[in-house]
Amino acid sequence: MAFYPIITAAHMYEVMLVSGLLALAKFYTFLLTVRIYLTWFPVINMYEQPFFTLKIMTDWFLLAFRAVLPPMYGLDLSPVIAFYFLFAITRILQGWLNTIWF
């Protein structure tokens, strides 16, 4: 006889919330990756559309980490710290999702 856990409506709402936050974190990681790649090409003007929208969406996040670790010797490490932070958030949400289901 198989054991099937009882899933209540409260659990379903929690699963939907955590799944949505996890998808948002992964999508924001993708946006941040595209933003970083675009900075490698000097011919791309970040003040023209659609690049300006991407800049607005990601700059506030990078500026928070730039305040903690400013660029040194022309090397900006804030994207690295931002990716580690997003990776940690993603791992926490995945772990939370696994504890909800199992």
PDB file of N, CA and C in Angstrom:
ATOM      1  N   MET A   1       0.841  -1.165   0.000  1.00  0.00           N
ATOM      2  CA  MET A   1       0.000   0.000   0.000  1.00  0.00           C
ATOM      3  C   MET A   1       0.896   1.242   0.000  1.00  0.00           C
ATOM      4  N   ALA A   2       0.645   2.126  -0.904  1.00  0.00           N
ATOM      5  CA  ALA A   2       1.472   3.323  -1.035  1.00  0.00           C
ATOM      6  C   ALA A   2       0.965   4.406  -0.097  1.00  0.00           C
ATOM      7  N   PHE A   3       1.891   5.205   0.345  1.00  0.00           N
ATOM      8  CA  PHE A   3       1.560   6.335   1.215  1.00  0.00           C
ATOM      9  C   PHE A   3       1.542   7.611   0.400  1.00  0.00           C
ATOM     10  N   TYR A   4       0.418   8.281   0.389  1.00  0.00           N
ATOM     11  CA  TYR A   4       0.289   9.547  -0.313  1.00  0.00           C
ATOM     12  C   TYR A   4       0.024  10.641   0.709  1.00  0.00           C
ATOM     13  N   PRO A   5       0.893  11.640   0.768  1.00  0.00           N
ATOM     14  CA  PRO A   5       0.677  12.695   1.760  1.00  0.00           C
ATOM     15  C   PRO A   5      -0.555  13.528   1.417  1.00  0.00           C
ATOM     16  N   ILE A   6      -1.189  14.015   2.438  1.00  0.00           N
ATOM     17  CA  ILE A   6      -2.362  14.867   2.257  1.00  0.00           C
ATOM     18  C   ILE A   6      -1.873  16.292   2.020  1.00  0.00           C
ATOM     19  N   ILE A   7      -2.257  16.852   0.904  1.00  0.00           N
ATOM     20  CA  ILE A   7      -1.844  18.203   0.566  1.00  0.00           C
ATOM     21  C   ILE A   7      -3.047  19.119   0.748  1.00  0.00           C
ATOM     22  N   THR A   8      -2.910  20.053   1.664  1.00  0.00           N
ATOM     23  CA  THR A   8      -4.012  20.966   1.937  1.00  0.00           C
ATOM     24  C   THR A   8      -3.904  22.184   1.027  1.00  0.00           C
ATOM     25  N   ALA A   9      -4.927  23.019   1.086  1.00  0.00           N
ATOM     26  CA  ALA A   9      -4.930  24.236   0.278  1.00  0.00           C
ATOM     27  C   ALA A   9      -3.821  25.178   0.721  1.00  0.00           C
ATOM     28  N   ALA A  10      -3.529  25.195   2.018  1.00  0.00           N
ATOM     29  CA  ALA A  10      -2.460  26.058   2.523  1.00  0.00           C
ATOM     30  C   ALA A  10      -1.113  25.633   1.938  1.00  0.00           C
ATOM     31  N   HIS A  11      -0.901  24.321   1.830  1.00  0.00           N
ATOM     32  CA  HIS A  11       0.333  23.832   1.232  1.00  0.00           C
ATOM     33  C   HIS A  11       0.414  24.203  -0.247  1.00  0.00           C
ATOM     34  N   MET A  12      -0.715  24.141  -0.925  1.00  0.00           N
ATOM     35  CA  MET A  12      -0.713  24.479  -2.351  1.00  0.00           C
ATOM     36  C   MET A  12      -0.378  25.956  -2.564  1.00  0.00           C
ATOM     37  N   TYR A  13      -0.904  26.824  -1.708  1.00  0.00           N
ATOM     38  CA  TYR A  13      -0.579  28.245  -1.814  1.00  0.00           C
ATOM     39  C   TYR A  13       0.897  28.488  -1.528  1.00  0.00           C
ATOM     40  N   GLU A  14       1.425  27.764  -0.554  1.00  0.00           N
ATOM     41  CA  GLU A  14       2.842  27.895  -0.234  1.00  0.00           C
ATOM     42  C   GLU A  14       3.705  27.398  -1.385  1.00  0.00           C
ATOM     43  N   VAL A  15       3.307  26.299  -1.992  1.00  0.00           N
ATOM     44  CA  VAL A  15       4.037  25.768  -3.143  1.00  0.00           C
ATOM     45  C   VAL A  15       3.997  26.752  -4.306  1.00  0.00           C
ATOM     46  N   MET A  16       2.836  27.345  -4.557  1.00  0.00           N
ATOM     47  CA  MET A  16       2.727  28.316  -5.650  1.00  0.00           C
ATOM     48  C   MET A  16       3.579  29.553  -5.369  1.00  0.00           C
ATOM     49  N   LEU A  17       3.587  30.027  -4.127  1.00  0.00           N
ATOM     50  CA  LEU A  17       4.374  31.199  -3.770  1.00  0.00           C
ATOM     51  C   LEU A  17       5.865  30.930  -3.914  1.00  0.00           C
ATOM     52  N   VAL A  18       6.329  29.820  -3.382  1.00  0.00           N
ATOM     53  CA  VAL A  18       7.754  29.495  -3.460  1.00  0.00           C
ATOM     54  C   VAL A  18       8.166  29.211  -4.898  1.00  0.00           C
ATOM     55  N   SER A  19       7.313  28.529  -5.650  1.00  0.00           N
ATOM     56  CA  SER A  19       7.621  28.264  -7.062  1.00  0.00           C
ATOM     57  C   SER A  19       7.707  29.563  -7.856  1.00  0.00           C
ATOM     58  N   GLY A  20       6.806  30.494  -7.574  1.00  0.00           N
ATOM     59  CA  GLY A  20       6.847  31.790  -8.244  1.00  0.00           C
ATOM     60  C   GLY A  20       8.097  32.575  -7.897  1.00  0.00           C
ATOM     61  N   LEU A  21       8.480  32.579  -6.618  1.00  0.00           N
ATOM     62  CA  LEU A  21       9.703  33.271  -6.212  1.00  0.00           C
ATOM     63  C   LEU A  21      10.946  32.629  -6.825  1.00  0.00           C
ATOM     64  N   LEU A  22      10.926  31.307  -6.916  1.00  0.00           N
ATOM     65  CA  LEU A  22      12.044  30.594  -7.529  1.00  0.00           C
ATOM     66  C   LEU A  22      12.150  30.928  -9.009  1.00  0.00           C
ATOM     67  N   ALA A  23      11.035  30.970  -9.704  1.00  0.00           N
ATOM     68  CA  ALA A  23      11.047  31.337 -11.126  1.00  0.00           C
ATOM     69  C   ALA A  23      11.499  32.783 -11.303  1.00  0.00           C
ATOM     70  N   LEU A  24      11.081  33.665 -10.413  1.00  0.00           N
ATOM     71  CA  LEU A  24      11.499  35.059 -10.477  1.00  0.00           C
ATOM     72  C   LEU A  24      13.009  35.197 -10.259  1.00  0.00           C
ATOM     73  N   ALA A  25      13.552  34.455  -9.300  1.00  0.00           N
ATOM     74  CA  ALA A  25      14.993  34.499  -9.047  1.00  0.00           C
ATOM     75  C   ALA A  25      15.776  33.978 -10.253  1.00  0.00           C
ATOM     76  N   LYS A  26      15.294  32.905 -10.861  1.00  0.00           N
ATOM     77  CA  LYS A  26      15.980  32.367 -12.041  1.00  0.00           C
ATOM     78  C   LYS A  26      15.882  33.319 -13.229  1.00  0.00           C
ATOM     79  N   PHE A  27      14.729  33.951 -13.413  1.00  0.00           N
ATOM     80  CA  PHE A  27      14.570  34.918 -14.496  1.00  0.00           C
ATOM     81  C   PHE A  27      15.461  36.134 -14.271  1.00  0.00           C
ATOM     82  N   TYR A  28      15.562  36.592 -13.030  1.00  0.00           N
ATOM     83  CA  TYR A  28      16.413  37.744 -12.737  1.00  0.00           C
ATOM     84  C   TYR A  28      17.890  37.394 -12.936  1.00  0.00           C
ATOM     85  N   THR A  29      18.257  36.162 -12.644  1.00  0.00           N
ATOM     86  CA  THR A  29      19.624  35.714 -12.927  1.00  0.00           C
ATOM     87  C   THR A  29      19.896  35.761 -14.427  1.00  0.00           C
ATOM     88  N   PHE A  30      18.914  35.360 -15.217  1.00  0.00           N
ATOM     89  CA  PHE A  30      19.055  35.436 -16.671  1.00  0.00           C
ATOM     90  C   PHE A  30      19.202  36.886 -17.128  1.00  0.00           C
ATOM     91  N   LEU A  31      18.359  37.787 -16.605  1.00  0.00           N
ATOM     92  CA  LEU A  31      18.464  39.208 -16.969  1.00  0.00           C
ATOM     93  C   LEU A  31      19.822  39.785 -16.594  1.00  0.00           C
ATOM     94  N   LEU A  32      20.297  39.421 -15.427  1.00  0.00           N
ATOM     95  CA  LEU A  32      21.600  39.911 -14.979  1.00  0.00           C
ATOM     96  C   LEU A  32      22.726  39.368 -15.853  1.00  0.00           C
ATOM     97  N   THR A  33      22.605  38.121 -16.274  1.00  0.00           N
ATOM     98  CA  THR A  33      23.608  37.543 -17.169  1.00  0.00           C
ATOM     99  C   THR A  33      23.633  38.273 -18.506  1.00  0.00           C
ATOM    100  N   VAL A  34      22.463  38.542 -19.068  1.00  0.00           N
ATOM    101  CA  VAL A  34      22.393  39.277 -20.335  1.00  0.00           C
ATOM    102  C   VAL A  34      22.986  40.667 -20.167  1.00  0.00           C
ATOM    103  N   ARG A  35      22.683  41.316 -19.056  1.00  0.00           N
ATOM    104  CA  ARG A  35      23.208  42.665 -18.792  1.00  0.00           C
ATOM    105  C   ARG A  35      24.724  42.665 -18.717  1.00  0.00           C
ATOM    106  N   ILE A  36      25.289  41.682 -18.062  1.00  0.00           N
ATOM    107  CA  ILE A  36      26.752  41.593 -17.942  1.00  0.00           C
ATOM    108  C   ILE A  36      27.378  41.319 -19.303  1.00  0.00           C
ATOM    109  N   TYR A  37      26.783  40.433 -20.070  1.00  0.00           N
ATOM    110  CA  TYR A  37      27.320  40.160 -21.410  1.00  0.00           C
ATOM    111  C   TYR A  37      27.267  41.382 -22.313  1.00  0.00           C
ATOM    112  N   LEU A  38      26.217  42.173 -22.199  1.00  0.00           N
ATOM    113  CA  LEU A  38      26.099  43.362 -23.041  1.00  0.00           C
ATOM    114  C   LEU A  38      27.148  44.426 -22.709  1.00  0.00           C
ATOM    115  N   THR A  39      27.629  44.439 -21.483  1.00  0.00           N
ATOM    116  CA  THR A  39      28.653  45.428 -21.137  1.00  0.00           C
ATOM    117  C   THR A  39      29.999  45.103 -21.773  1.00  0.00           C
ATOM    118  N   TRP A  40      30.164  43.911 -22.271  1.00  0.00           N
ATOM    119  CA  TRP A  40      31.424  43.542 -22.919  1.00  0.00           C
ATOM    120  C   TRP A  40      31.527  44.104 -24.335  1.00  0.00           C
ATOM    121  N   PHE A  41      30.423  44.543 -24.890  1.00  0.00           N
ATOM    122  CA  PHE A  41      30.414  45.082 -26.249  1.00  0.00           C
ATOM    123  C   PHE A  41      30.275  46.601 -26.193  1.00  0.00           C
ATOM    124  N   PRO A  42      31.359  47.319 -26.490  1.00  0.00           N
ATOM    125  CA  PRO A  42      31.305  48.787 -26.347  1.00  0.00           C
ATOM    126  C   PRO A  42      30.429  49.474 -27.389  1.00  0.00           C
ATOM    127  N   VAL A  43      30.082  48.805 -28.471  1.00  0.00           N
ATOM    128  CA  VAL A  43      29.252  49.442 -29.497  1.00  0.00           C
ATOM    129  C   VAL A  43      27.780  49.501 -29.096  1.00  0.00           C
ATOM    130  N   ILE A  44      27.391  48.755 -28.067  1.00  0.00           N
ATOM    131  CA  ILE A  44      26.003  48.760 -27.614  1.00  0.00           C
ATOM    132  C   ILE A  44      25.807  49.938 -26.669  1.00  0.00           C
ATOM    133  N   ASN A  45      24.886  50.806 -27.036  1.00  0.00           N
ATOM    134  CA  ASN A  45      24.559  51.953 -26.208  1.00  0.00           C
ATOM    135  C   ASN A  45      23.490  51.532 -25.199  1.00  0.00           C
ATOM    136  N   MET A  46      23.851  51.518 -23.929  1.00  0.00           N
ATOM    137  CA  MET A  46      22.921  51.074 -22.894  1.00  0.00           C
ATOM    138  C   MET A  46      21.812  52.088 -22.626  1.00  0.00           C
ATOM    139  N   TYR A  47      21.875  53.246 -23.264  1.00  0.00           N
ATOM    140  CA  TYR A  47      20.847  54.271 -23.061  1.00  0.00           C
ATOM    141  C   TYR A  47      19.817  54.285 -24.191  1.00  0.00           C
ATOM    142  N   GLU A  48      19.835  53.281 -25.048  1.00  0.00           N
ATOM    143  CA  GLU A  48      18.813  53.118 -26.083  1.00  0.00           C
ATOM    144  C   GLU A  48      17.971  51.899 -25.734  1.00  0.00           C
ATOM    145  N   GLN A  49      16.734  51.922 -26.193  1.00  0.00           N
ATOM    146  CA  GLN A  49      15.838  50.804 -25.940  1.00  0.00           C
ATOM    147  C   GLN A  49      16.237  49.627 -26.821  1.00  0.00           C
ATOM    148  N   PRO A  50      16.110  48.422 -26.407  1.00  0.00           N
ATOM    149  CA  PRO A  50      15.576  47.871 -25.175  1.00  0.00           C
ATOM    150  C   PRO A  50      16.624  47.746 -24.065  1.00  0.00           C
ATOM    151  N   PHE A  51      17.845  48.169 -24.361  1.00  0.00           N
ATOM    152  CA  PHE A  51      18.930  47.993 -23.396  1.00  0.00           C
ATOM    153  C   PHE A  51      18.747  48.871 -22.165  1.00  0.00           C
ATOM    154  N   PHE A  52      18.133  50.038 -22.338  1.00  0.00           N
ATOM    155  CA  PHE A  52      17.935  50.930 -21.210  1.00  0.00           C
ATOM    156  C   PHE A  52      16.980  50.318 -20.191  1.00  0.00           C
ATOM    157  N   THR A  53      15.961  49.627 -20.658  1.00  0.00           N
ATOM    158  CA  THR A  53      15.034  48.948 -19.755  1.00  0.00           C
ATOM    159  C   THR A  53      15.758  47.872 -18.960  1.00  0.00           C
ATOM    160  N   LEU A  54      16.618  47.131 -19.626  1.00  0.00           N
ATOM    161  CA  LEU A  54      17.407  46.115 -18.945  1.00  0.00           C
ATOM    162  C   LEU A  54      18.348  46.755 -17.927  1.00  0.00           C
ATOM    163  N   LYS A  55      18.915  47.888 -18.280  1.00  0.00           N
ATOM    164  CA  LYS A  55      19.806  48.604 -17.359  1.00  0.00           C
ATOM    165  C   LYS A  55      19.052  49.062 -16.120  1.00  0.00           C
ATOM    166  N   ILE A  56      17.861  49.599 -16.317  1.00  0.00           N
ATOM    167  CA  ILE A  56      17.052  50.056 -15.183  1.00  0.00           C
ATOM    168  C   ILE A  56      16.657  48.880 -14.287  1.00  0.00           C
ATOM    169  N   MET A  57      16.328  47.756 -14.904  1.00  0.00           N
ATOM    170  CA  MET A  57      15.876  46.596 -14.135  1.00  0.00           C
ATOM    171  C   MET A  57      16.989  45.959 -13.311  1.00  0.00           C
ATOM    172  N   THR A  58      18.240  46.108 -13.728  1.00  0.00           N
ATOM    173  CA  THR A  58      19.326  45.414 -13.040  1.00  0.00           C
ATOM    174  C   THR A  58      20.269  46.325 -12.275  1.00  0.00           C
ATOM    175  N   ASP A  59      20.300  47.608 -12.589  1.00  0.00           N
ATOM    176  CA  ASP A  59      21.272  48.496 -11.940  1.00  0.00           C
ATOM    177  C   ASP A  59      21.041  48.654 -10.445  1.00  0.00           C
ATOM    178  N   TRP A  60      19.804  48.731 -10.012  1.00  0.00           N
ATOM    179  CA  TRP A  60      19.553  48.911  -8.584  1.00  0.00           C
ATOM    180  C   TRP A  60      20.099  47.740  -7.779  1.00  0.00           C
ATOM    181  N   PHE A  61      20.037  46.548  -8.358  1.00  0.00           N
ATOM    182  CA  PHE A  61      20.539  45.357  -7.670  1.00  0.00           C
ATOM    183  C   PHE A  61      22.066  45.377  -7.618  1.00  0.00           C
ATOM    184  N   LEU A  62      22.694  45.740  -8.729  1.00  0.00           N
ATOM    185  CA  LEU A  62      24.150  45.794  -8.758  1.00  0.00           C
ATOM    186  C   LEU A  62      24.695  46.937  -7.912  1.00  0.00           C
ATOM    187  N   LEU A  63      23.987  48.055  -7.869  1.00  0.00           N
ATOM    188  CA  LEU A  63      24.446  49.190  -7.071  1.00  0.00           C
ATOM    189  C   LEU A  63      24.455  48.863  -5.579  1.00  0.00           C
ATOM    190  N   ALA A  64      23.556  48.009  -5.135  1.00  0.00           N
ATOM    191  CA  ALA A  64      23.553  47.589  -3.732  1.00  0.00           C
ATOM    192  C   ALA A  64      24.844  46.858  -3.381  1.00  0.00           C
ATOM    193  N   PHE A  65      25.341  46.045  -4.298  1.00  0.00           N
ATOM    194  CA  PHE A  65      26.575  45.315  -4.042  1.00  0.00           C
ATOM    195  C   PHE A  65      27.811  46.174  -4.315  1.00  0.00           C
ATOM    196  N   ARG A  66      27.679  47.154  -5.203  1.00  0.00           N
ATOM    197  CA  ARG A  66      28.767  48.098  -5.452  1.00  0.00           C
ATOM    198  C   ARG A  66      29.019  48.986  -4.238  1.00  0.00           C
ATOM    199  N   ALA A  67      27.985  49.227  -3.456  1.00  0.00           N
ATOM    200  CA  ALA A  67      28.151  50.015  -2.235  1.00  0.00           C
ATOM    201  C   ALA A  67      28.955  49.237  -1.195  1.00  0.00           C
ATOM    202  N   VAL A  68      28.824  47.917  -1.207  1.00  0.00           N
ATOM    203  CA  VAL A  68      29.564  47.077  -0.270  1.00  0.00           C
ATOM    204  C   VAL A  68      31.013  46.899  -0.730  1.00  0.00           C
ATOM    205  N   LEU A  69      31.189  46.634  -2.018  1.00  0.00           N
ATOM    206  CA  LEU A  69      32.520  46.415  -2.575  1.00  0.00           C
ATOM    207  C   LEU A  69      32.681  47.276  -3.826  1.00  0.00           C
ATOM    208  N   PRO A  70      33.263  48.473  -3.678  1.00  0.00           N
ATOM    209  CA  PRO A  70      33.414  49.350  -4.847  1.00  0.00           C
ATOM    210  C   PRO A  70      34.445  48.791  -5.826  1.00  0.00           C
ATOM    211  N   PRO A  71      34.392  49.233  -7.079  1.00  0.00           N
ATOM    212  CA  PRO A  71      35.373  48.757  -8.061  1.00  0.00           C
ATOM    213  C   PRO A  71      36.799  49.121  -7.643  1.00  0.00           C
ATOM    214  N   MET A  72      37.702  48.156  -7.796  1.00  0.00           N
ATOM    215  CA  MET A  72      39.104  48.367  -7.447  1.00  0.00           C
ATOM    216  C   MET A  72      39.964  48.122  -8.674  1.00  0.00           C
ATOM    217  N   TYR A  73      40.831  49.056  -8.967  1.00  0.00           N
ATOM    218  CA  TYR A  73      41.772  48.941 -10.098  1.00  0.00           C
ATOM    219  C   TYR A  73      41.058  48.664 -11.413  1.00  0.00           C
ATOM    220  N   GLY A  74      39.885  49.239 -11.588  1.00  0.00           N
ATOM    221  CA  GLY A  74      39.122  49.061 -12.816  1.00  0.00           C
ATOM    222  C   GLY A  74      38.383  47.735 -12.901  1.00  0.00           C
ATOM    223  N   LEU A  75      38.362  46.984 -11.822  1.00  0.00           N
ATOM    224  CA  LEU A  75      37.690  45.681 -11.807  1.00  0.00           C
ATOM    225  C   LEU A  75      36.479  45.753 -10.884  1.00  0.00           C
ATOM    226  N   ASP A  76      35.314  45.517 -11.441  1.00  0.00           N
ATOM    227  CA  ASP A  76      34.074  45.568 -10.684  1.00  0.00           C
ATOM    228  C   ASP A  76      33.638  44.152 -10.337  1.00  0.00           C
ATOM    229  N   LEU A  77      33.674  43.826  -9.056  1.00  0.00           N
ATOM    230  CA  LEU A  77      33.308  42.487  -8.615  1.00  0.00           C
ATOM    231  C   LEU A  77      31.869  42.396  -8.106  1.00  0.00           C
ATOM    232  N   SER A  78      31.114  43.476  -8.225  1.00  0.00           N
ATOM    233  CA  SER A  78      29.736  43.443  -7.733  1.00  0.00           C
ATOM    234  C   SER A  78      28.864  42.414  -8.458  1.00  0.00           C
ATOM    235  N   PRO A  79      29.032  42.176  -9.772  1.00  0.00           N
ATOM    236  CA  PRO A  79      28.221  41.114 -10.396  1.00  0.00           C
ATOM    237  C   PRO A  79      28.510  39.724  -9.829  1.00  0.00           C
ATOM    238  N   VAL A  80      29.754  39.479  -9.448  1.00  0.00           N
ATOM    239  CA  VAL A  80      30.088  38.172  -8.877  1.00  0.00           C
ATOM    240  C   VAL A  80      29.363  37.978  -7.550  1.00  0.00           C
ATOM    241  N   ILE A  81      29.392  39.011  -6.715  1.00  0.00           N
ATOM    242  CA  ILE A  81      28.699  38.929  -5.436  1.00  0.00           C
ATOM    243  C   ILE A  81      27.187  38.829  -5.649  1.00  0.00           C
ATOM    244  N   ALA A  82      26.675  39.549  -6.637  1.00  0.00           N
ATOM    245  CA  ALA A  82      25.240  39.486  -6.936  1.00  0.00           C
ATOM    246  C   ALA A  82      24.844  38.078  -7.386  1.00  0.00           C
ATOM    247  N   PHE A  83      25.671  37.444  -8.210  1.00  0.00           N
ATOM    248  CA  PHE A  83      25.360  36.083  -8.650  1.00  0.00           C
ATOM    249  C   PHE A  83      25.414  35.098  -7.484  1.00  0.00           C
ATOM    250  N   TYR A  84      26.390  35.260  -6.585  1.00  0.00           N
ATOM    251  CA  TYR A  84      26.441  34.391  -5.404  1.00  0.00           C
ATOM    252  C   TYR A  84      25.198  34.574  -4.538  1.00  0.00           C
ATOM    253  N   PHE A  85      24.762  35.817  -4.396  1.00  0.00           N
ATOM    254  CA  PHE A  85      23.559  36.089  -3.615  1.00  0.00           C
ATOM    255  C   PHE A  85      22.331  35.443  -4.262  1.00  0.00           C
ATOM    256  N   LEU A  86      22.181  35.610  -5.570  1.00  0.00           N
ATOM    257  CA  LEU A  86      21.045  34.992  -6.270  1.00  0.00           C
ATOM    258  C   LEU A  86      21.119  33.468  -6.227  1.00  0.00           C
ATOM    259  N   PHE A  87      22.332  32.929  -6.315  1.00  0.00           N
ATOM    260  CA  PHE A  87      22.498  31.477  -6.217  1.00  0.00           C
ATOM    261  C   PHE A  87      22.065  30.987  -4.836  1.00  0.00           C
ATOM    262  N   ALA A  88      22.446  31.730  -3.796  1.00  0.00           N
ATOM    263  CA  ALA A  88      22.057  31.338  -2.435  1.00  0.00           C
ATOM    264  C   ALA A  88      20.541  31.410  -2.263  1.00  0.00           C
ATOM    265  N   ILE A  89      19.920  32.464  -2.777  1.00  0.00           N
ATOM    266  CA  ILE A  89      18.468  32.591  -2.689  1.00  0.00           C
ATOM    267  C   ILE A  89      17.784  31.442  -3.438  1.00  0.00           C
ATOM    268  N   THR A  90      18.302  31.105  -4.613  1.00  0.00           N
ATOM    269  CA  THR A  90      17.737  30.003  -5.402  1.00  0.00           C
ATOM    270  C   THR A  90      17.852  28.680  -4.655  1.00  0.00           C
ATOM    271  N   ARG A  91      19.007  28.442  -4.041  1.00  0.00           N
ATOM    272  CA  ARG A  91      19.193  27.194  -3.296  1.00  0.00           C
ATOM    273  C   ARG A  91      18.267  27.121  -2.078  1.00  0.00           C
ATOM    274  N   ILE A  92      18.101  28.247  -1.393  1.00  0.00           N
ATOM    275  CA  ILE A  92      17.205  28.278  -0.231  1.00  0.00           C
ATOM    276  C   ILE A  92      15.772  27.995  -0.663  1.00  0.00           C
ATOM    277  N   LEU A  93      15.327  28.619  -1.747  1.00  0.00           N
ATOM    278  CA  LEU A  93      13.963  28.401  -2.223  1.00  0.00           C
ATOM    279  C   LEU A  93      13.758  26.966  -2.711  1.00  0.00           C
ATOM    280  N   GLN A  94      14.779  26.388  -3.366  1.00  0.00           N
ATOM    281  CA  GLN A  94      14.655  25.000  -3.812  1.00  0.00           C
ATOM    282  C   GLN A  94      14.577  24.051  -2.616  1.00  0.00           C
ATOM    283  N   GLY A  95      15.376  24.328  -1.595  1.00  0.00           N
ATOM    284  CA  GLY A  95      15.317  23.506  -0.390  1.00  0.00           C
ATOM    285  C   GLY A  95      13.975  23.630   0.303  1.00  0.00           C
ATOM    286  N   TRP A  96      13.441  24.841   0.344  1.00  0.00           N
ATOM    287  CA  TRP A  96      12.138  25.059   0.946  1.00  0.00           C
ATOM    288  C   TRP A  96      11.053  24.338   0.162  1.00  0.00           C
ATOM    289  N   LEU A  97      11.150  24.378  -1.150  1.00  0.00           N
ATOM    290  CA  LEU A  97      10.176  23.690  -1.986  1.00  0.00           C
ATOM    291  C   LEU A  97      10.245  22.178  -1.779  1.00  0.00           C
ATOM    292  N   ASN A  98      11.446  21.660  -1.609  1.00  0.00           N
ATOM    293  CA  ASN A  98      11.587  20.215  -1.371  1.00  0.00           C
ATOM    294  C   ASN A  98      11.006  19.804  -0.025  1.00  0.00           C
ATOM    295  N   THR A  99      11.131  20.668   0.987  1.00  0.00           N
ATOM    296  CA  THR A  99      10.560  20.303   2.288  1.00  0.00           C
ATOM    297  C   THR A  99       9.042  20.409   2.271  1.00  0.00           C
ATOM    298  N   ILE A 100       8.492  21.227   1.411  1.00  0.00           N
ATOM    299  CA  ILE A 100       7.027  21.330   1.332  1.00  0.00           C
ATOM    300  C   ILE A 100       6.447  20.054   0.723  1.00  0.00           C
ATOM    301  N   TRP A 101       7.082  19.577  -0.343  1.00  0.00           N
ATOM    302  CA  TRP A 101       6.532  18.434  -1.081  1.00  0.00           C
ATOM    303  C   TRP A 101       6.822  17.112  -0.417  1.00  0.00           C
ATOM    304  N   PHE A 102       7.934  16.999   0.305  1.00  0.00           N
ATOM    305  CA  PHE A 102       8.312  15.674   0.812  1.00  0.00           C
ATOM    306  C   PHE A 102       8.342  15.622   2.304  1.00  0.00           C
TER     307      PHE A 102
END
